[in-house]
Structures are given as structure tokens and as C-alpha cells.
């Protein structure tokens, strides 16, 4: 027996179907899993400091990029980090 959809549910499904490719072209997702303990710790920290997961990703990316750039500069001068 199929569930009857409300008009709002039908509209959302139609919208999602029509705009699926557009959304996929505009955004990306990291499908990853963390151990529950660290996941809970990270979520608690983010909530306490009103930081979004997207902000976390950008900050982490910038921090790692900086480390890699410093490492590359060190390699150019014979210094290793």
C-alpha cells in the first residue's frame, strides 16, 4: 500500500527532481564517517562556539593549505617542517 503524498510533498519532490543536476553542479559533499566519540566532541565544540560545519571545513582547508605552503617554502630553502 502506497502512502498518499500531500500537495506540499508532491511539490517538493517535483522541485528536487527538476533542480537535481543544478544542485549537483553547484555544490559538493564529503561523504565521510567519524568515530562517534570524536563526532560528538566536534559537534559539541561547534555548537558551543556557534560555528557551522561549513565554517569548520573552510578553516581546516585554509590551515592545511598554509601548512603545505610553508612546507614547500621550507623545501625550497633546504629547511623541512
C-alpha atoms as a PDB file:
ATOM      1  CA  UNK A   1       0.000   0.000   0.000  1.00  0.00           C
ATOM      2  CA  UNK A   2       1.490   3.330  -1.075  1.00  0.00           C
ATOM      3  CA  UNK A   3       1.438   6.403   1.093  1.00  0.00           C
ATOM      4  CA  UNK A   4      -0.583   9.286  -0.311  1.00  0.00           C
ATOM      5  CA  UNK A   5       1.519  12.403  -0.709  1.00  0.00           C
ATOM      6  CA  UNK A   6       0.283  15.824   0.329  1.00  0.00           C
ATOM      7  CA  UNK A   7       0.346  18.598  -2.281  1.00  0.00           C
ATOM      8  CA  UNK A   8       3.366  20.119  -0.488  1.00  0.00           C
ATOM      9  CA  UNK A   9       5.260  16.829  -0.605  1.00  0.00           C
ATOM     10  CA  UNK A  10       4.472  16.449  -4.309  1.00  0.00           C
ATOM     11  CA  UNK A  11       5.686  19.985  -4.989  1.00  0.00           C
ATOM     12  CA  UNK A  12       8.943  19.398  -3.059  1.00  0.00           C
ATOM     13  CA  UNK A  13       9.633  16.145  -4.899  1.00  0.00           C
ATOM     14  CA  UNK A  14       8.984  17.777  -8.263  1.00  0.00           C
ATOM     15  CA  UNK A  15      11.236  20.719  -7.361  1.00  0.00           C
ATOM     16  CA  UNK A  16      14.011  18.375  -6.204  1.00  0.00           C
ATOM     17  CA  UNK A  17      13.774  16.303  -9.389  1.00  0.00           C
ATOM     18  CA  UNK A  18      13.843  19.361 -11.652  1.00  0.00           C
ATOM     19  CA  UNK A  19      16.765  21.038  -9.834  1.00  0.00           C
ATOM     20  CA  UNK A  20      18.856  17.951  -9.007  1.00  0.00           C
ATOM     21  CA  UNK A  21      21.501  18.463 -11.701  1.00  0.00           C
ATOM     22  CA  UNK A  22      21.694  22.181 -10.958  1.00  0.00           C
ATOM     23  CA  UNK A  23      22.369  21.492  -7.251  1.00  0.00           C
ATOM     24  CA  UNK A  24      24.947  18.819  -8.038  1.00  0.00           C
ATOM     25  CA  UNK A  25      26.807  21.187 -10.358  1.00  0.00           C
ATOM     26  CA  UNK A  26      26.799  23.976  -7.767  1.00  0.00           C
ATOM     27  CA  UNK A  27      27.694  22.078  -4.593  1.00  0.00           C
ATOM     28  CA  UNK A  28      29.735  19.169  -3.328  1.00  0.00           C
ATOM     29  CA  UNK A  29      29.689  16.866  -0.356  1.00  0.00           C
ATOM     30  CA  UNK A  30      32.310  14.971   1.594  1.00  0.00           C
ATOM     31  CA  UNK A  31      30.750  11.642   2.410  1.00  0.00           C
ATOM     32  CA  UNK A  32      32.807  10.501   5.343  1.00  0.00           C
ATOM     33  CA  UNK A  33      32.310   8.902   8.710  1.00  0.00           C
ATOM     34  CA  UNK A  34      33.942   9.681  12.032  1.00  0.00           C
ATOM     35  CA  UNK A  35      34.098   7.610  15.172  1.00  0.00           C
ATOM     36  CA  UNK A  36      31.101   8.599  17.337  1.00  0.00           C
ATOM     37  CA  UNK A  37      33.293   9.913  20.173  1.00  0.00           C
ATOM     38  CA  UNK A  38      35.162  12.467  18.031  1.00  0.00           C
ATOM     39  CA  UNK A  39      31.992  13.314  16.101  1.00  0.00           C
ATOM     40  CA  UNK A  40      30.220  14.157  19.362  1.00  0.00           C
ATOM     41  CA  UNK A  41      33.205  16.176  20.591  1.00  0.00           C
ATOM     42  CA  UNK A  42      33.417  18.189  17.360  1.00  0.00           C
ATOM     43  CA  UNK A  43      29.655  18.832  17.290  1.00  0.00           C
ATOM     44  CA  UNK A  44      29.665  19.968  20.909  1.00  0.00           C
ATOM     45  CA  UNK A  45      32.562  22.360  20.238  1.00  0.00           C
ATOM     46  CA  UNK A  46      30.890  23.777  17.132  1.00  0.00           C
ATOM     47  CA  UNK A  47      27.572  24.271  18.932  1.00  0.00           C
ATOM     48  CA  UNK A  48      29.207  25.942  21.949  1.00  0.00           C
ATOM     49  CA  UNK A  49      31.028  28.412  19.702  1.00  0.00           C
ATOM     50  CA  UNK A  50      28.242  28.884  17.139  1.00  0.00           C
ATOM     51  CA  UNK A  51      30.409  27.609  14.288  1.00  0.00           C
ATOM     52  CA  UNK A  52      28.872  25.855  11.289  1.00  0.00           C
ATOM     53  CA  UNK A  53      30.298  22.694   9.773  1.00  0.00           C
ATOM     54  CA  UNK A  54      30.901  24.628   6.563  1.00  0.00           C
ATOM     55  CA  UNK A  55      32.978  27.175   8.509  1.00  0.00           C
ATOM     56  CA  UNK A  56      34.934  24.275  10.016  1.00  0.00           C
ATOM     57  CA  UNK A  57      35.686  22.877   6.565  1.00  0.00           C
ATOM     58  CA  UNK A  58      36.834  26.242   5.202  1.00  0.00           C
ATOM     59  CA  UNK A  59      39.017  26.956   8.257  1.00  0.00           C
ATOM     60  CA  UNK A  60      40.543  23.479   8.159  1.00  0.00           C
ATOM     61  CA  UNK A  61      41.242  23.769   4.458  1.00  0.00           C
ATOM     62  CA  UNK A  62      42.921  27.167   4.870  1.00  0.00           C
ATOM     63  CA  UNK A  63      45.000  25.891   7.804  1.00  0.00           C
ATOM     64  CA  UNK A  64      46.177  22.821   5.895  1.00  0.00           C
ATOM     65  CA  UNK A  65      46.899  24.888   2.812  1.00  0.00           C
ATOM     66  CA  UNK A  66      49.069  27.190   4.915  1.00  0.00           C
ATOM     67  CA  UNK A  67      50.984  24.223   6.357  1.00  0.00           C
ATOM     68  CA  UNK A  68      51.569  22.801   2.876  1.00  0.00           C
ATOM     69  CA  UNK A  69      52.752  26.186   1.557  1.00  0.00           C
ATOM     70  CA  UNK A  70      55.158  26.561   4.492  1.00  0.00           C
ATOM     71  CA  UNK A  71      56.429  23.034   3.907  1.00  0.00           C
ATOM     72  CA  UNK A  72      57.002  23.799   0.228  1.00  0.00           C
ATOM     73  CA  UNK A  73      58.848  27.008   1.063  1.00  0.00           C
ATOM     74  CA  UNK A  74      60.996  25.079   3.524  1.00  0.00           C
ATOM     75  CA  UNK A  75      61.822  22.519   0.834  1.00  0.00           C
ATOM     76  CA  UNK A  76      62.935  25.318  -1.479  1.00  0.00           C
ATOM     77  CA  UNK A  77      65.379  26.586   1.155  1.00  0.00           C
ATOM     78  CA  UNK A  78      66.535  23.209   2.413  1.00  0.00           C
ATOM     79  CA  UNK A  79      64.538  23.531   5.647  1.00  0.00           C
ATOM     80  CA  UNK A  80      61.968  20.876   6.499  1.00  0.00           C
ATOM     81  CA  UNK A  81      58.943  21.450   8.712  1.00  0.00           C
END
